[in-house]
Amino acid sequence: MRVALVNPPWISGTTPCGAAHLPLELGYARALLGRDGHEPRVIDAHLHGIGIDAIRALVGAYAPDLTVVLTAPSSLVATCGADGLDLPLRTIEAVREVAGAIVVAGPHGTASPRAVLRALGADAVVLGECEEPIARLASTPRSRWGGVPAVALAEGDGARVTGPPHRSRLAELPALRWTRSDLLAHAHQHQRFDALPRGSGAEMETSRGFRRRPLEVVLEELDALLALGVEYVYFADGTFPPDRELLDALSRRPIRFGVRTHIDLWTSGMAERLGRSGCVSLEATVRPFRPTEELTELLLEVRQHVPFVRATVRGGATGDDWHRRLRANGVWAEAAEPAEVQP
């Protein structure tokens, strides 16, 4: 089966930083589809700067049996894009006659599957992490899609949801492979402020919550990126883990990287190791599970080893003095902003 995996041409204002990031979920889906004998093709309009008319031409030329369209730019964007479903809808309408069956994936469908199914006129909506359900849909006759978990399907005048949002078996997902063309188009180095880019950037992940990717898979993926000239990686984990073995492996490679993490998970020695391993950017969520003064001292220590540190407070008040002290010592301190998901 031919499967087109489409990332729409997101515009300024639909992503927090405005730049294109590697669509990790489509990378995993491509790998799983290829493993199962399908012919997947990623059409990343955002990364390569192509418009909706060009997407239609590429999809039409490929003549897929199944087309997947994302409703948010990448796994770096935990909430829905500022423009809601307008751009995914325009993308789907442009390819509808040449797309085969249409599946959509992203946070919109996870939050409101029936509304998204109806709004986009799709054949199926994936709930939750999409890579494994996409592969299952491709390997299942359409008449039996009702047996695939974690999807919403049109049924008469309504819709049927086959189960709760999916959680992928992260340890079984393969190392991702990107083309030289993809990486040459990816000059952006997310959340890096210590130096101007000289090579390509990329995004990876080592974990999702408490689920970890095997270290050997992470390093296989990283080494492939290094071989193609990548000099900086942003780890898109929701919470980058304080993993001594991973940090030691990173310290032996010519890579600089950025992370987001919960600072209360770290200790003094591990914070220093983080800087030695090549971390140049850290977005730290501060949750007052430990005394505020202890977390403050840890943030200030991290700043001695990591050029850019941003601290965002969640779940507790800290006061103006706390912010002033951190800012005076080079830490960008701010209050959390509530995240909303709009169908």
C-alpha atoms as a PDB file:
ATOM      1  CA  MET A   1       0.000   0.000   0.000  1.00  0.00           C
ATOM      2  CA  ARG A   2       1.179   3.515  -0.813  1.00  0.00           C
ATOM      3  CA  VAL A   3       0.845   5.883   2.139  1.00  0.00           C
ATOM      4  CA  ALA A   4       1.382   9.661   1.933  1.00  0.00           C
ATOM      5  CA  LEU A   5       2.311  11.264   5.267  1.00  0.00           C
ATOM      6  CA  VAL A   6       1.591  14.994   5.029  1.00  0.00           C
ATOM      7  CA  ASN A   7       2.757  17.795   7.283  1.00  0.00           C
ATOM      8  CA  PRO A   8       0.855  20.930   6.130  1.00  0.00           C
ATOM      9  CA  PRO A   9       2.598  24.241   5.327  1.00  0.00           C
ATOM     10  CA  TRP A  10       2.266  25.836   8.756  1.00  0.00           C
ATOM     11  CA  ILE A  11       2.593  29.605   8.744  1.00  0.00           C
ATOM     12  CA  SER A  12       3.899  32.146  11.231  1.00  0.00           C
ATOM     13  CA  GLY A  13       1.645  32.210  14.275  1.00  0.00           C
ATOM     14  CA  THR A  14       0.685  28.541  14.168  1.00  0.00           C
ATOM     15  CA  THR A  15       3.772  27.409  16.105  1.00  0.00           C
ATOM     16  CA  PRO A  16       5.352  28.880  19.240  1.00  0.00           C
ATOM     17  CA  CYS A  17       8.678  29.694  17.534  1.00  0.00           C
ATOM     18  CA  GLY A  18       7.513  29.806  13.907  1.00  0.00           C
ATOM     19  CA  ALA A  19      10.230  27.497  12.570  1.00  0.00           C
ATOM     20  CA  ALA A  20       9.847  24.052  11.033  1.00  0.00           C
ATOM     21  CA  HIS A  21      10.783  21.034  13.140  1.00  0.00           C
ATOM     22  CA  LEU A  22      11.210  17.430  12.103  1.00  0.00           C
ATOM     23  CA  PRO A  23       7.809  15.665  12.330  1.00  0.00           C
ATOM     24  CA  LEU A  24       8.992  12.830  14.565  1.00  0.00           C
ATOM     25  CA  GLU A  25       5.612  11.091  14.546  1.00  0.00           C
ATOM     26  CA  LEU A  26       5.673  10.881  10.753  1.00  0.00           C
ATOM     27  CA  GLY A  27       9.256   9.624  10.877  1.00  0.00           C
ATOM     28  CA  TYR A  28       8.243   6.770  13.154  1.00  0.00           C
ATOM     29  CA  ALA A  29       5.157   6.039  11.059  1.00  0.00           C
ATOM     30  CA  ARG A  30       7.288   5.899   7.908  1.00  0.00           C
ATOM     31  CA  ALA A  31       9.682   3.440   9.556  1.00  0.00           C
ATOM     32  CA  LEU A  32       6.886   1.179  10.816  1.00  0.00           C
ATOM     33  CA  LEU A  33       5.062   1.254   7.481  1.00  0.00           C
ATOM     34  CA  GLY A  34       8.241   0.354   5.615  1.00  0.00           C
ATOM     35  CA  ARG A  35       8.903  -2.490   8.044  1.00  0.00           C
ATOM     36  CA  ASP A  36       5.410  -3.846   7.297  1.00  0.00           C
ATOM     37  CA  GLY A  37       5.977  -3.830   3.538  1.00  0.00           C
ATOM     38  CA  HIS A  38       4.160  -0.610   2.639  1.00  0.00           C
ATOM     39  CA  GLU A  39       5.477   2.270   0.535  1.00  0.00           C
ATOM     40  CA  PRO A  40       5.376   5.402   2.724  1.00  0.00           C
ATOM     41  CA  ARG A  41       6.342   8.872   1.577  1.00  0.00           C
ATOM     42  CA  VAL A  42       6.644  11.923   3.843  1.00  0.00           C
ATOM     43  CA  ILE A  43       5.551  15.204   2.255  1.00  0.00           C
ATOM     44  CA  ASP A  44       6.737  17.852   4.696  1.00  0.00           C
ATOM     45  CA  ALA A  45       5.414  21.104   3.303  1.00  0.00           C
ATOM     46  CA  HIS A  46       6.485  23.098   6.358  1.00  0.00           C
ATOM     47  CA  LEU A  47      10.115  22.003   6.311  1.00  0.00           C
ATOM     48  CA  HIS A  48      10.539  22.352   2.557  1.00  0.00           C
ATOM     49  CA  GLY A  49       8.501  25.525   2.131  1.00  0.00           C
ATOM     50  CA  ILE A  50       5.914  24.273  -0.358  1.00  0.00           C
ATOM     51  CA  GLY A  51       2.308  25.397  -0.642  1.00  0.00           C
ATOM     52  CA  ILE A  52      -0.997  23.580  -0.796  1.00  0.00           C
ATOM     53  CA  ASP A  53      -1.076  23.450  -4.598  1.00  0.00           C
ATOM     54  CA  ALA A  54       2.329  21.739  -4.568  1.00  0.00           C
ATOM     55  CA  ILE A  55       1.096  19.267  -1.944  1.00  0.00           C
ATOM     56  CA  ARG A  56      -1.799  18.342  -4.217  1.00  0.00           C
ATOM     57  CA  ALA A  57       0.573  17.833  -7.143  1.00  0.00           C
ATOM     58  CA  LEU A  58       2.923  15.641  -5.099  1.00  0.00           C
ATOM     59  CA  VAL A  59       0.119  13.559  -3.611  1.00  0.00           C
ATOM     60  CA  GLY A  60      -1.542  13.208  -7.009  1.00  0.00           C
ATOM     61  CA  ALA A  61       1.677  12.061  -8.640  1.00  0.00           C
ATOM     62  CA  TYR A  62       2.251   9.536  -5.875  1.00  0.00           C
ATOM     63  CA  ALA A  63      -1.354   8.208  -6.080  1.00  0.00           C
ATOM     64  CA  PRO A  64      -1.525   6.883  -2.494  1.00  0.00           C
ATOM     65  CA  ASP A  65      -4.077   4.438  -1.174  1.00  0.00           C
ATOM     66  CA  LEU A  66      -4.012   6.242   2.182  1.00  0.00           C
ATOM     67  CA  THR A  67      -3.079   9.804   3.136  1.00  0.00           C
ATOM     68  CA  VAL A  68      -2.328  10.937   6.689  1.00  0.00           C
ATOM     69  CA  VAL A  69      -2.527  14.655   7.553  1.00  0.00           C
ATOM     70  CA  LEU A  70      -1.260  16.171  10.810  1.00  0.00           C
ATOM     71  CA  THR A  71      -3.358  18.789  12.646  1.00  0.00           C
ATOM     72  CA  ALA A  72      -0.385  20.314  14.514  1.00  0.00           C
ATOM     73  CA  PRO A  73       3.183  20.962  13.358  1.00  0.00           C
ATOM     74  CA  SER A  74       5.168  18.412  15.373  1.00  0.00           C
ATOM     75  CA  SER A  75       5.543  16.656  18.694  1.00  0.00           C
ATOM     76  CA  LEU A  76       7.241  19.824  19.994  1.00  0.00           C
ATOM     77  CA  VAL A  77       3.794  21.425  19.957  1.00  0.00           C
ATOM     78  CA  ALA A  78       1.826  19.863  22.789  1.00  0.00           C
ATOM     79  CA  THR A  79      -1.281  21.953  22.141  1.00  0.00           C
ATOM     80  CA  CYS A  80      -3.177  22.836  19.004  1.00  0.00           C
ATOM     81  CA  GLY A  81      -2.016  25.420  16.515  1.00  0.00           C
ATOM     82  CA  ALA A  82      -3.318  28.958  16.844  1.00  0.00           C
ATOM     83  CA  ASP A  83      -5.330  28.668  13.631  1.00  0.00           C
ATOM     84  CA  GLY A  84      -7.171  25.553  14.764  1.00  0.00           C
ATOM     85  CA  LEU A  85      -8.182  23.255  11.929  1.00  0.00           C
ATOM     86  CA  ASP A  86      -8.215  25.772   9.089  1.00  0.00           C
ATOM     87  CA  LEU A  87      -4.916  24.773   7.493  1.00  0.00           C
ATOM     88  CA  PRO A  88      -5.415  20.982   7.859  1.00  0.00           C
ATOM     89  CA  LEU A  89      -8.877  21.415   6.341  1.00  0.00           C
ATOM     90  CA  ARG A  90      -7.535  23.371   3.359  1.00  0.00           C
ATOM     91  CA  THR A  91      -4.833  20.751   2.886  1.00  0.00           C
ATOM     92  CA  ILE A  92      -7.355  17.901   2.970  1.00  0.00           C
ATOM     93  CA  GLU A  93      -9.732  19.665   0.597  1.00  0.00           C
ATOM     94  CA  ALA A  94      -6.886  20.168  -1.868  1.00  0.00           C
ATOM     95  CA  VAL A  95      -5.910  16.487  -1.929  1.00  0.00           C
ATOM     96  CA  ARG A  96      -9.261  14.823  -1.296  1.00  0.00           C
ATOM     97  CA  GLU A  97      -9.783  13.614  -4.878  1.00  0.00           C
ATOM     98  CA  VAL A  98      -6.285  12.096  -5.135  1.00  0.00           C
ATOM     99  CA  ALA A  99      -5.597  11.037  -1.531  1.00  0.00           C
ATOM    100  CA  GLY A 100      -7.289   7.657  -1.216  1.00  0.00           C
ATOM    101  CA  ALA A 101      -8.591   7.165   2.325  1.00  0.00           C
ATOM    102  CA  ILE A 102      -7.858  10.142   4.614  1.00  0.00           C
ATOM    103  CA  VAL A 103      -6.642   9.798   8.208  1.00  0.00           C
ATOM    104  CA  VAL A 104      -5.843  12.705  10.508  1.00  0.00           C
ATOM    105  CA  ALA A 105      -3.636  12.705  13.583  1.00  0.00           C
ATOM    106  CA  GLY A 106      -2.716  15.251  16.217  1.00  0.00           C
ATOM    107  CA  PRO A 107      -3.884  16.832  19.473  1.00  0.00           C
ATOM    108  CA  HIS A 108      -7.172  18.112  18.047  1.00  0.00           C
ATOM    109  CA  GLY A 109      -8.438  14.624  17.305  1.00  0.00           C
ATOM    110  CA  THR A 110      -7.217  13.297  20.622  1.00  0.00           C
ATOM    111  CA  ALA A 111      -9.147  15.991  22.496  1.00  0.00           C
ATOM    112  CA  SER A 112     -12.327  16.023  20.353  1.00  0.00           C
ATOM    113  CA  PRO A 113     -12.322  13.055  17.940  1.00  0.00           C
ATOM    114  CA  ARG A 114     -15.950  13.249  16.815  1.00  0.00           C
ATOM    115  CA  ALA A 115     -15.852  16.998  16.206  1.00  0.00           C
ATOM    116  CA  VAL A 116     -12.594  16.732  14.242  1.00  0.00           C
ATOM    117  CA  LEU A 117     -13.854  13.802  12.177  1.00  0.00           C
ATOM    118  CA  ARG A 118     -16.916  15.834  11.244  1.00  0.00           C
ATOM    119  CA  ALA A 119     -15.053  19.113  10.653  1.00  0.00           C
ATOM    120  CA  LEU A 120     -12.396  17.623   8.380  1.00  0.00           C
ATOM    121  CA  GLY A 121     -14.486  15.023   6.599  1.00  0.00           C
ATOM    122  CA  ALA A 122     -11.841  12.384   7.238  1.00  0.00           C
ATOM    123  CA  ASP A 123     -12.300   8.636   7.099  1.00  0.00           C
ATOM    124  CA  ALA A 124     -10.559   8.146  10.435  1.00  0.00           C
ATOM    125  CA  VAL A 125      -9.048  10.163  13.264  1.00  0.00           C
ATOM    126  CA  VAL A 126      -6.247   8.763  15.423  1.00  0.00           C
ATOM    127  CA  LEU A 127      -6.437   9.368  19.159  1.00  0.00           C
ATOM    128  CA  GLY A 128      -3.154   9.757  21.035  1.00  0.00           C
ATOM    129  CA  GLU A 129       0.299   8.816  19.760  1.00  0.00           C
ATOM    130  CA  CYS A 130      -0.254   8.090  16.113  1.00  0.00           C
ATOM    131  CA  GLU A 131       2.663   6.087  14.675  1.00  0.00           C
ATOM    132  CA  GLU A 132       1.466   2.578  15.597  1.00  0.00           C
ATOM    133  CA  PRO A 133      -2.244   3.168  14.786  1.00  0.00           C
ATOM    134  CA  ILE A 134      -1.284   4.549  11.359  1.00  0.00           C
ATOM    135  CA  ALA A 135       0.679   1.382  10.634  1.00  0.00           C
ATOM    136  CA  ARG A 136      -2.223  -0.785  11.836  1.00  0.00           C
ATOM    137  CA  LEU A 137      -4.737   1.070   9.669  1.00  0.00           C
ATOM    138  CA  ALA A 138      -2.527   0.612   6.615  1.00  0.00           C
ATOM    139  CA  SER A 139      -2.288  -3.138   7.267  1.00  0.00           C
ATOM    140  CA  THR A 140      -6.015  -3.588   7.933  1.00  0.00           C
ATOM    141  CA  PRO A 141      -8.711  -3.706   5.225  1.00  0.00           C
ATOM    142  CA  ARG A 142     -10.808  -0.579   5.494  1.00  0.00           C
ATOM    143  CA  SER A 143     -13.940  -2.621   6.134  1.00  0.00           C
ATOM    144  CA  ARG A 144     -12.273  -3.818   9.363  1.00  0.00           C
ATOM    145  CA  TRP A 145     -10.953  -0.497  10.664  1.00  0.00           C
ATOM    146  CA  GLY A 146     -13.490  -0.743  13.463  1.00  0.00           C
ATOM    147  CA  GLY A 147     -11.207  -3.356  15.013  1.00  0.00           C
ATOM    148  CA  VAL A 148      -8.251  -0.963  15.214  1.00  0.00           C
ATOM    149  CA  PRO A 149      -8.007   0.600  18.697  1.00  0.00           C
ATOM    150  CA  ALA A 150      -7.761   4.342  19.358  1.00  0.00           C
ATOM    151  CA  VAL A 151      -9.458   5.657  16.226  1.00  0.00           C
ATOM    152  CA  ALA A 152     -12.681   7.507  15.486  1.00  0.00           C
ATOM    153  CA  LEU A 153     -14.627   6.390  12.416  1.00  0.00           C
ATOM    154  CA  ALA A 154     -17.614   7.858  10.612  1.00  0.00           C
ATOM    155  CA  GLU A 155     -20.688   5.735  11.246  1.00  0.00           C
ATOM    156  CA  GLY A 156     -23.960   6.816   9.668  1.00  0.00           C
ATOM    157  CA  ASP A 157     -24.678  10.377  10.749  1.00  0.00           C
ATOM    158  CA  GLY A 158     -22.332  10.076  13.729  1.00  0.00           C
ATOM    159  CA  ALA A 159     -19.010   8.589  14.702  1.00  0.00           C
ATOM    160  CA  ARG A 160     -17.669   5.653  16.641  1.00  0.00           C
ATOM    161  CA  VAL A 161     -14.573   5.793  18.837  1.00  0.00           C
ATOM    162  CA  THR A 162     -12.812   2.453  19.235  1.00  0.00           C
ATOM    163  CA  GLY A 163     -10.899   3.154  22.412  1.00  0.00           C
ATOM    164  CA  PRO A 164      -8.923   5.622  24.523  1.00  0.00           C
ATOM    165  CA  PRO A 165      -5.886   7.536  23.203  1.00  0.00           C
ATOM    166  CA  HIS A 166      -3.017   5.297  22.153  1.00  0.00           C
ATOM    167  CA  ARG A 167       0.340   5.069  23.955  1.00  0.00           C
ATOM    168  CA  SER A 168       3.048   3.701  21.679  1.00  0.00           C
ATOM    169  CA  ARG A 169       5.496   1.005  22.750  1.00  0.00           C
ATOM    170  CA  LEU A 170       8.339   3.489  22.722  1.00  0.00           C
ATOM    171  CA  ALA A 171      11.030   0.892  23.400  1.00  0.00           C
ATOM    172  CA  GLU A 172      10.079  -0.860  20.147  1.00  0.00           C
ATOM    173  CA  LEU A 173      10.149   2.173  17.861  1.00  0.00           C
ATOM    174  CA  PRO A 174      13.156   2.157  15.506  1.00  0.00           C
ATOM    175  CA  ALA A 175      15.918   4.704  15.095  1.00  0.00           C
ATOM    176  CA  LEU A 176      14.704   7.423  12.731  1.00  0.00           C
ATOM    177  CA  ARG A 177      16.398   8.210   9.445  1.00  0.00           C
ATOM    178  CA  TRP A 178      16.187  11.591   7.719  1.00  0.00           C
ATOM    179  CA  THR A 179      17.449  12.492   4.274  1.00  0.00           C
ATOM    180  CA  ARG A 180      20.270  14.914   3.595  1.00  0.00           C
ATOM    181  CA  SER A 181      17.679  17.095   1.862  1.00  0.00           C
ATOM    182  CA  ASP A 182      15.569  17.191   5.043  1.00  0.00           C
ATOM    183  CA  LEU A 183      18.535  18.195   7.175  1.00  0.00           C
ATOM    184  CA  LEU A 184      19.858  20.792   4.733  1.00  0.00           C
ATOM    185  CA  ALA A 185      16.422  22.422   4.952  1.00  0.00           C
ATOM    186  CA  HIS A 186      16.604  22.344   8.757  1.00  0.00           C
ATOM    187  CA  ALA A 187      18.952  25.199   9.639  1.00  0.00           C
ATOM    188  CA  HIS A 188      16.835  26.020  12.710  1.00  0.00           C
ATOM    189  CA  GLN A 189      18.350  25.093  16.076  1.00  0.00           C
ATOM    190  CA  HIS A 190      15.441  25.164  18.513  1.00  0.00           C
ATOM    191  CA  GLN A 191      15.980  27.227  21.683  1.00  0.00           C
ATOM    192  CA  ARG A 192      19.701  27.736  20.999  1.00  0.00           C
ATOM    193  CA  PHE A 193      21.084  31.146  21.914  1.00  0.00           C
ATOM    194  CA  ASP A 194      24.762  30.551  22.719  1.00  0.00           C
ATOM    195  CA  ALA A 195      26.034  30.599  19.119  1.00  0.00           C
ATOM    196  CA  LEU A 196      24.932  31.163  15.536  1.00  0.00           C
ATOM    197  CA  PRO A 197      24.213  27.960  13.561  1.00  0.00           C
ATOM    198  CA  ARG A 198      27.048  26.686  11.375  1.00  0.00           C
ATOM    199  CA  GLY A 199      25.460  23.340  10.524  1.00  0.00           C
ATOM    200  CA  SER A 200      22.062  21.697  10.587  1.00  0.00           C
ATOM    201  CA  GLY A 201      19.840  21.214  13.604  1.00  0.00           C
ATOM    202  CA  ALA A 202      17.484  18.321  14.340  1.00  0.00           C
ATOM    203  CA  GLU A 203      14.998  17.079  16.889  1.00  0.00           C
ATOM    204  CA  MET A 204      14.990  13.719  18.683  1.00  0.00           C
ATOM    205  CA  GLU A 205      13.427  12.177  21.732  1.00  0.00           C
ATOM    206  CA  THR A 206      14.784   9.797  24.352  1.00  0.00           C
ATOM    207  CA  SER A 207      11.609   9.331  26.396  1.00  0.00           C
ATOM    208  CA  ARG A 208       7.926  10.029  26.793  1.00  0.00           C
ATOM    209  CA  GLY A 209       7.053  10.353  30.446  1.00  0.00           C
ATOM    210  CA  PHE A 210       8.396   7.259  32.187  1.00  0.00           C
ATOM    211  CA  ARG A 211       8.800   5.369  28.918  1.00  0.00           C
ATOM    212  CA  ARG A 212      12.374   5.308  27.623  1.00  0.00           C
ATOM    213  CA  ARG A 213      13.861   4.532  24.235  1.00  0.00           C
ATOM    214  CA  PRO A 214      16.755   2.063  24.456  1.00  0.00           C
ATOM    215  CA  LEU A 215      20.071   3.880  24.657  1.00  0.00           C
ATOM    216  CA  GLU A 216      21.505   1.969  21.695  1.00  0.00           C
ATOM    217  CA  VAL A 217      18.575   3.102  19.515  1.00  0.00           C
ATOM    218  CA  VAL A 218      18.962   6.728  20.596  1.00  0.00           C
ATOM    219  CA  LEU A 219      22.679   6.652  19.834  1.00  0.00           C
ATOM    220  CA  GLU A 220      22.146   4.930  16.474  1.00  0.00           C
ATOM    221  CA  GLU A 221      19.768   7.728  15.497  1.00  0.00           C
ATOM    222  CA  LEU A 222      22.098  10.435  16.801  1.00  0.00           C
ATOM    223  CA  ASP A 223      25.154   9.015  15.043  1.00  0.00           C
ATOM    224  CA  ALA A 224      23.249   8.961  11.744  1.00  0.00           C
ATOM    225  CA  LEU A 225      22.425  12.657  12.244  1.00  0.00           C
ATOM    226  CA  LEU A 226      26.047  13.482  13.032  1.00  0.00           C
ATOM    227  CA  ALA A 227      27.155  11.690   9.861  1.00  0.00           C
ATOM    228  CA  LEU A 228      24.918  14.042   7.864  1.00  0.00           C
ATOM    229  CA  GLY A 229      26.382  17.183   9.406  1.00  0.00           C
ATOM    230  CA  VAL A 230      24.010  17.895  12.296  1.00  0.00           C
ATOM    231  CA  GLU A 231      25.730  19.928  15.024  1.00  0.00           C
ATOM    232  CA  TYR A 232      22.805  20.570  17.403  1.00  0.00           C
ATOM    233  CA  VAL A 233      19.899  18.427  18.591  1.00  0.00           C
ATOM    234  CA  TYR A 234      16.862  19.481  20.593  1.00  0.00           C
ATOM    235  CA  PHE A 235      15.523  16.605  22.675  1.00  0.00           C
ATOM    236  CA  ALA A 236      11.745  16.924  22.425  1.00  0.00           C
ATOM    237  CA  ASP A 237      11.053  14.816  25.522  1.00  0.00           C
ATOM    238  CA  GLY A 238       8.323  16.316  27.656  1.00  0.00           C
ATOM    239  CA  THR A 239      10.780  15.858  30.529  1.00  0.00           C
ATOM    240  CA  PHE A 240      14.389  15.055  29.635  1.00  0.00           C
ATOM    241  CA  PRO A 241      15.559  12.450  32.188  1.00  0.00           C
ATOM    242  CA  PRO A 242      18.661  12.729  34.411  1.00  0.00           C
ATOM    243  CA  ASP A 243      20.220   9.624  32.846  1.00  0.00           C
ATOM    244  CA  ARG A 244      23.922   9.258  33.674  1.00  0.00           C
ATOM    245  CA  GLU A 245      24.620   6.679  30.944  1.00  0.00           C
ATOM    246  CA  LEU A 246      22.971   8.817  28.256  1.00  0.00           C
ATOM    247  CA  LEU A 247      24.809  11.967  29.344  1.00  0.00           C
ATOM    248  CA  ASP A 248      28.146  10.161  29.346  1.00  0.00           C
ATOM    249  CA  ALA A 249      27.478   8.884  25.811  1.00  0.00           C
ATOM    250  CA  LEU A 250      26.590  12.406  24.660  1.00  0.00           C
ATOM    251  CA  SER A 251      29.775  13.809  26.182  1.00  0.00           C
ATOM    252  CA  ARG A 252      31.799  11.544  23.876  1.00  0.00           C
ATOM    253  CA  ARG A 253      30.175  12.941  20.732  1.00  0.00           C
ATOM    254  CA  PRO A 254      30.657  16.280  18.921  1.00  0.00           C
ATOM    255  CA  ILE A 255      27.134  17.490  19.635  1.00  0.00           C
ATOM    256  CA  ARG A 256      25.481  20.407  21.388  1.00  0.00           C
ATOM    257  CA  PHE A 257      21.902  19.997  22.535  1.00  0.00           C
ATOM    258  CA  GLY A 258      18.909  21.563  24.240  1.00  0.00           C
ATOM    259  CA  VAL A 259      16.349  20.018  26.594  1.00  0.00           C
ATOM    260  CA  ARG A 260      13.239  20.726  28.596  1.00  0.00           C
ATOM    261  CA  THR A 261      12.974  19.105  32.002  1.00  0.00           C
ATOM    262  CA  HIS A 262      11.660  19.373  35.552  1.00  0.00           C
ATOM    263  CA  ILE A 263      14.467  20.835  37.611  1.00  0.00           C
ATOM    264  CA  ASP A 264      13.346  19.070  40.802  1.00  0.00           C
ATOM    265  CA  LEU A 265      14.378  15.735  39.227  1.00  0.00           C
ATOM    266  CA  TRP A 266      18.015  16.807  39.111  1.00  0.00           C
ATOM    267  CA  THR A 267      20.767  16.896  41.717  1.00  0.00           C
ATOM    268  CA  SER A 268      23.877  19.030  41.942  1.00  0.00           C
ATOM    269  CA  GLY A 269      26.240  16.433  40.484  1.00  0.00           C
ATOM    270  CA  MET A 270      23.913  15.496  37.635  1.00  0.00           C
ATOM    271  CA  ALA A 271      23.352  19.150  36.761  1.00  0.00           C
ATOM    272  CA  GLU A 272      27.091  19.619  36.345  1.00  0.00           C
ATOM    273  CA  ARG A 273      27.264  16.448  34.230  1.00  0.00           C
ATOM    274  CA  LEU A 274      24.488  17.831  32.018  1.00  0.00           C
ATOM    275  CA  GLY A 275      26.627  20.833  31.132  1.00  0.00           C
ATOM    276  CA  ARG A 276      29.730  18.720  30.492  1.00  0.00           C
ATOM    277  CA  SER A 277      27.782  16.473  28.134  1.00  0.00           C
ATOM    278  CA  GLY A 278      27.093  19.320  25.686  1.00  0.00           C
ATOM    279  CA  CYS A 279      23.850  20.891  26.900  1.00  0.00           C
ATOM    280  CA  VAL A 280      23.705  24.561  25.897  1.00  0.00           C
ATOM    281  CA  SER A 281      19.976  25.222  26.413  1.00  0.00           C
ATOM    282  CA  LEU A 282      17.686  24.135  29.241  1.00  0.00           C
ATOM    283  CA  GLU A 283      14.000  24.942  29.687  1.00  0.00           C
ATOM    284  CA  ALA A 284      13.266  24.056  33.304  1.00  0.00           C
ATOM    285  CA  THR A 285       9.824  23.644  34.800  1.00  0.00           C
ATOM    286  CA  VAL A 286       9.944  24.452  38.514  1.00  0.00           C
ATOM    287  CA  ARG A 287       7.448  22.541  40.632  1.00  0.00           C
ATOM    288  CA  PRO A 288       7.836  23.280  44.369  1.00  0.00           C
ATOM    289  CA  PHE A 289       8.125  19.644  45.457  1.00  0.00           C
ATOM    290  CA  ARG A 290      11.434  20.566  47.062  1.00  0.00           C
ATOM    291  CA  PRO A 291      12.203  23.735  49.052  1.00  0.00           C
ATOM    292  CA  THR A 292      12.265  26.792  46.805  1.00  0.00           C
ATOM    293  CA  GLU A 293      15.712  27.837  48.023  1.00  0.00           C
ATOM    294  CA  GLU A 294      17.140  24.404  47.139  1.00  0.00           C
ATOM    295  CA  LEU A 295      15.693  24.583  43.626  1.00  0.00           C
ATOM    296  CA  THR A 296      16.949  28.148  43.237  1.00  0.00           C
ATOM    297  CA  GLU A 297      20.499  27.112  44.117  1.00  0.00           C
ATOM    298  CA  LEU A 298      20.259  24.222  41.673  1.00  0.00           C
ATOM    299  CA  LEU A 299      19.112  26.533  38.867  1.00  0.00           C
ATOM    300  CA  LEU A 300      21.970  28.904  39.585  1.00  0.00           C
ATOM    301  CA  GLU A 301      24.429  26.006  39.522  1.00  0.00           C
ATOM    302  CA  VAL A 302      23.034  24.743  36.207  1.00  0.00           C
ATOM    303  CA  ARG A 303      23.476  28.244  34.787  1.00  0.00           C
ATOM    304  CA  GLN A 304      27.199  28.019  35.562  1.00  0.00           C
ATOM    305  CA  HIS A 305      27.463  25.097  33.118  1.00  0.00           C
ATOM    306  CA  VAL A 306      24.645  25.736  30.594  1.00  0.00           C
ATOM    307  CA  PRO A 307      24.679  29.028  28.616  1.00  0.00           C
ATOM    308  CA  PHE A 308      20.890  29.448  28.408  1.00  0.00           C
ATOM    309  CA  VAL A 309      18.529  28.475  31.225  1.00  0.00           C
ATOM    310  CA  ARG A 310      14.841  29.352  31.350  1.00  0.00           C
ATOM    311  CA  ALA A 311      12.826  28.599  34.501  1.00  0.00           C
ATOM    312  CA  THR A 312       9.024  28.434  34.423  1.00  0.00           C
ATOM    313  CA  VAL A 313       7.151  28.104  37.717  1.00  0.00           C
ATOM    314  CA  ARG A 314       4.125  25.836  37.871  1.00  0.00           C
ATOM    315  CA  GLY A 315       1.936  25.036  40.849  1.00  0.00           C
ATOM    316  CA  GLY A 316       3.262  27.559  43.347  1.00  0.00           C
ATOM    317  CA  ALA A 317       3.966  31.213  44.028  1.00  0.00           C
ATOM    318  CA  THR A 318       7.570  32.398  44.306  1.00  0.00           C
ATOM    319  CA  GLY A 319       7.379  36.185  44.446  1.00  0.00           C
ATOM    320  CA  ASP A 320       9.171  39.018  42.680  1.00  0.00           C
ATOM    321  CA  ASP A 321      12.374  38.602  44.693  1.00  0.00           C
ATOM    322  CA  TRP A 322      12.819  35.081  43.342  1.00  0.00           C
ATOM    323  CA  HIS A 323      12.459  36.242  39.753  1.00  0.00           C
ATOM    324  CA  ARG A 324      14.796  39.176  40.280  1.00  0.00           C
ATOM    325  CA  ARG A 325      17.463  36.987  41.856  1.00  0.00           C
ATOM    326  CA  LEU A 326      17.414  34.460  39.022  1.00  0.00           C
ATOM    327  CA  ARG A 327      17.414  37.117  36.317  1.00  0.00           C
ATOM    328  CA  ALA A 328      20.291  38.922  37.994  1.00  0.00           C
ATOM    329  CA  ASN A 329      22.271  35.679  37.710  1.00  0.00           C
ATOM    330  CA  GLY A 330      21.486  34.990  34.071  1.00  0.00           C
ATOM    331  CA  VAL A 331      18.421  32.731  34.399  1.00  0.00           C
ATOM    332  CA  TRP A 332      15.345  33.707  32.384  1.00  0.00           C
ATOM    333  CA  ALA A 333      12.590  33.286  35.002  1.00  0.00           C
ATOM    334  CA  GLU A 334       8.891  33.516  34.197  1.00  0.00           C
ATOM    335  CA  ALA A 335       5.480  32.387  35.349  1.00  0.00           C
ATOM    336  CA  ALA A 336       3.665  29.573  33.573  1.00  0.00           C
ATOM    337  CA  GLU A 337       0.983  30.316  31.023  1.00  0.00           C
ATOM    338  CA  PRO A 338      -2.028  27.984  30.922  1.00  0.00           C
ATOM    339  CA  ALA A 339      -2.224  25.770  27.847  1.00  0.00           C
ATOM    340  CA  GLU A 340      -5.517  25.291  26.034  1.00  0.00           C
ATOM    341  CA  VAL A 341      -6.592  22.858  23.375  1.00  0.00           C
ATOM    342  CA  GLN A 342      -9.270  24.082  21.006  1.00  0.00           C
ATOM    343  CA  PRO A 343     -11.094  21.669  18.694  1.00  0.00           C
END
